[in-house]
Amino acid sequence: MAKEYKMDRTQVATMSFAEADNHVAHWADKSERERMDAACFLIYQIFGTNQYTKVDRTVTERRKRN
């Protein structure tokens, strides 16, 4: 991700169902790459990481399903 974004966590938006439908249409017009970049940006912001952060595999657990 070449672009740098800052997320303003002080703002919260409420919207009607009609506005939410328009929001879906907005993302439907974006390319798959733009949608993935936006999703990665949000994930990085939520977890306080970036694309270079290694995954800490000591906190995960693997088990076999019966």
N, C-alpha and C. Protein backbone atom coordinates (compact mmCIF):
# COMPACT_ATOMS: atom_id res chain seq x y z
N MET A 1 0.84 -1.17 0.00
CA MET A 1 0.00 0.00 0.00
C MET A 1 0.88 1.23 0.00
N ALA A 2 0.85 1.94 -1.07
CA ALA A 2 1.72 3.09 -1.21
C ALA A 2 1.15 4.33 -0.54
N LYS A 3 -0.18 4.43 -0.41
CA LYS A 3 -0.79 5.63 0.15
C LYS A 3 -0.78 5.57 1.67
N GLU A 4 -0.61 6.73 2.27
CA GLU A 4 -0.70 6.85 3.73
C GLU A 4 -2.02 7.48 4.09
N TYR A 5 -2.77 6.86 4.98
CA TYR A 5 -4.06 7.38 5.41
C TYR A 5 -4.03 7.56 6.91
N LYS A 6 -4.82 8.46 7.39
CA LYS A 6 -5.02 8.63 8.83
C LYS A 6 -6.50 8.41 9.11
N MET A 7 -6.80 7.63 10.13
CA MET A 7 -8.18 7.34 10.47
C MET A 7 -8.59 8.21 11.66
N ASP A 8 -9.67 8.97 11.49
CA ASP A 8 -10.18 9.82 12.55
C ASP A 8 -11.19 9.02 13.36
N ARG A 9 -10.78 8.53 14.52
CA ARG A 9 -11.64 7.68 15.33
C ARG A 9 -12.65 8.48 16.16
N THR A 10 -12.62 9.80 16.08
CA THR A 10 -13.55 10.61 16.87
C THR A 10 -14.89 10.80 16.16
N GLN A 11 -14.95 10.46 14.90
CA GLN A 11 -16.17 10.66 14.12
C GLN A 11 -16.95 9.36 14.01
N VAL A 12 -18.24 9.46 14.21
CA VAL A 12 -19.13 8.32 14.04
C VAL A 12 -20.27 8.77 13.15
N ALA A 13 -20.60 7.98 12.16
CA ALA A 13 -21.67 8.36 11.23
C ALA A 13 -22.84 7.41 11.39
N THR A 14 -24.03 7.96 11.45
CA THR A 14 -25.23 7.16 11.41
C THR A 14 -25.88 7.41 10.06
N MET A 15 -26.53 6.39 9.54
CA MET A 15 -27.13 6.54 8.22
C MET A 15 -28.41 5.74 8.13
N SER A 16 -29.23 6.13 7.19
CA SER A 16 -30.48 5.40 6.95
C SER A 16 -30.17 4.19 6.07
N PHE A 17 -31.17 3.35 5.89
CA PHE A 17 -30.98 2.19 5.03
C PHE A 17 -30.71 2.62 3.58
N ALA A 18 -31.36 3.69 3.14
CA ALA A 18 -31.14 4.19 1.78
C ALA A 18 -29.69 4.65 1.60
N GLU A 19 -29.16 5.34 2.60
CA GLU A 19 -27.77 5.79 2.53
C GLU A 19 -26.82 4.59 2.56
N ALA A 20 -27.16 3.58 3.32
CA ALA A 20 -26.32 2.37 3.37
C ALA A 20 -26.32 1.68 2.02
N ASP A 21 -27.45 1.66 1.33
CA ASP A 21 -27.50 1.08 -0.01
C ASP A 21 -26.58 1.84 -0.96
N ASN A 22 -26.56 3.16 -0.85
CA ASN A 22 -25.67 3.96 -1.68
C ASN A 22 -24.22 3.66 -1.37
N HIS A 23 -23.92 3.38 -0.10
CA HIS A 23 -22.56 3.04 0.31
C HIS A 23 -22.11 1.74 -0.38
N VAL A 24 -23.01 0.77 -0.45
CA VAL A 24 -22.69 -0.49 -1.14
C VAL A 24 -22.42 -0.24 -2.61
N ALA A 25 -23.23 0.61 -3.23
CA ALA A 25 -23.03 0.94 -4.64
C ALA A 25 -21.68 1.62 -4.86
N HIS A 26 -21.27 2.44 -3.90
CA HIS A 26 -19.97 3.11 -4.01
C HIS A 26 -18.85 2.09 -4.12
N TRP A 27 -18.85 1.06 -3.27
CA TRP A 27 -17.78 0.07 -3.29
C TRP A 27 -17.91 -0.88 -4.46
N ALA A 28 -19.11 -1.06 -4.98
CA ALA A 28 -19.29 -1.93 -6.15
C ALA A 28 -18.62 -1.33 -7.37
N ASP A 29 -18.47 -0.01 -7.40
CA ASP A 29 -17.83 0.66 -8.53
C ASP A 29 -16.30 0.62 -8.45
N LYS A 30 -15.76 0.23 -7.31
CA LYS A 30 -14.31 0.21 -7.14
C LYS A 30 -13.74 -1.11 -7.67
N SER A 31 -12.47 -1.06 -8.04
CA SER A 31 -11.80 -2.28 -8.51
C SER A 31 -11.55 -3.20 -7.32
N GLU A 32 -11.27 -4.46 -7.63
CA GLU A 32 -10.98 -5.42 -6.57
C GLU A 32 -9.76 -5.00 -5.77
N ARG A 33 -8.77 -4.45 -6.43
CA ARG A 33 -7.55 -4.00 -5.76
C ARG A 33 -7.85 -2.86 -4.78
N GLU A 34 -8.70 -1.90 -5.19
CA GLU A 34 -9.07 -0.78 -4.32
C GLU A 34 -9.84 -1.28 -3.09
N ARG A 35 -10.72 -2.25 -3.29
CA ARG A 35 -11.47 -2.80 -2.16
C ARG A 35 -10.55 -3.55 -1.20
N MET A 36 -9.59 -4.30 -1.74
CA MET A 36 -8.64 -5.02 -0.88
C MET A 36 -7.74 -4.06 -0.12
N ASP A 37 -7.30 -2.99 -0.78
CA ASP A 37 -6.47 -1.98 -0.11
C ASP A 37 -7.23 -1.34 1.04
N ALA A 38 -8.51 -1.03 0.81
CA ALA A 38 -9.33 -0.42 1.86
C ALA A 38 -9.53 -1.39 3.02
N ALA A 39 -9.77 -2.66 2.72
CA ALA A 39 -9.96 -3.66 3.77
C ALA A 39 -8.68 -3.84 4.58
N CYS A 40 -7.55 -3.91 3.90
CA CYS A 40 -6.26 -4.05 4.60
C CYS A 40 -5.99 -2.84 5.48
N PHE A 41 -6.28 -1.66 4.97
CA PHE A 41 -6.08 -0.45 5.76
C PHE A 41 -6.89 -0.50 7.05
N LEU A 42 -8.16 -0.90 6.95
CA LEU A 42 -9.01 -0.97 8.14
C LEU A 42 -8.49 -2.01 9.13
N ILE A 43 -8.07 -3.15 8.62
CA ILE A 43 -7.53 -4.20 9.50
C ILE A 43 -6.27 -3.71 10.20
N TYR A 44 -5.39 -3.05 9.47
CA TYR A 44 -4.16 -2.52 10.07
C TYR A 44 -4.49 -1.49 11.15
N GLN A 45 -5.47 -0.64 10.90
CA GLN A 45 -5.86 0.38 11.88
C GLN A 45 -6.44 -0.27 13.13
N ILE A 46 -7.29 -1.26 12.95
CA ILE A 46 -7.94 -1.91 14.10
C ILE A 46 -6.91 -2.60 14.99
N PHE A 47 -5.98 -3.34 14.37
CA PHE A 47 -5.02 -4.11 15.15
C PHE A 47 -3.71 -3.39 15.41
N GLY A 48 -3.57 -2.17 14.90
CA GLY A 48 -2.35 -1.40 15.14
C GLY A 48 -1.13 -2.01 14.50
N THR A 49 -1.29 -2.55 13.31
CA THR A 49 -0.18 -3.20 12.61
C THR A 49 0.03 -2.53 11.26
N ASN A 50 0.91 -3.10 10.47
CA ASN A 50 1.09 -2.69 9.08
C ASN A 50 1.44 -3.92 8.26
N GLN A 51 1.69 -3.73 6.97
CA GLN A 51 1.92 -4.88 6.10
C GLN A 51 3.23 -5.61 6.40
N TYR A 52 4.10 -5.00 7.19
CA TYR A 52 5.39 -5.61 7.51
C TYR A 52 5.39 -6.31 8.87
N THR A 53 4.30 -6.22 9.61
CA THR A 53 4.22 -6.83 10.93
C THR A 53 4.11 -8.34 10.79
N LYS A 54 4.95 -9.05 11.51
CA LYS A 54 4.90 -10.51 11.49
C LYS A 54 3.73 -10.99 12.34
N VAL A 55 3.13 -12.09 11.93
CA VAL A 55 2.03 -12.69 12.68
C VAL A 55 2.62 -13.46 13.85
N ASP A 56 2.08 -13.20 15.05
CA ASP A 56 2.53 -13.92 16.23
C ASP A 56 1.78 -15.25 16.29
N ARG A 57 2.43 -16.30 15.84
CA ARG A 57 1.78 -17.61 15.76
C ARG A 57 1.77 -18.35 17.10
N THR A 58 2.35 -17.76 18.14
CA THR A 58 2.33 -18.43 19.44
C THR A 58 0.98 -18.26 20.13
N VAL A 59 0.15 -17.34 19.68
CA VAL A 59 -1.15 -17.14 20.32
C VAL A 59 -2.27 -17.88 19.59
N THR A 60 -1.92 -18.58 18.50
CA THR A 60 -2.94 -19.34 17.79
C THR A 60 -2.83 -20.82 18.15
N GLU A 61 -3.86 -21.52 17.87
CA GLU A 61 -3.91 -22.94 18.21
C GLU A 61 -4.46 -23.70 17.03
N ARG A 62 -3.90 -24.85 16.76
CA ARG A 62 -4.37 -25.70 15.67
C ARG A 62 -4.87 -27.00 16.25
N ARG A 63 -6.02 -27.42 15.80
CA ARG A 63 -6.56 -28.70 16.27
C ARG A 63 -7.28 -29.39 15.13
N LYS A 64 -7.39 -30.68 15.27
CA LYS A 64 -8.02 -31.48 14.23
C LYS A 64 -9.50 -31.68 14.55
N ARG A 65 -10.33 -31.53 13.53
CA ARG A 65 -11.76 -31.76 13.72
C ARG A 65 -12.05 -33.25 13.75
N ASN A 66 -13.00 -33.63 14.57
CA ASN A 66 -13.39 -35.05 14.65
C ASN A 66 -14.36 -35.41 13.55
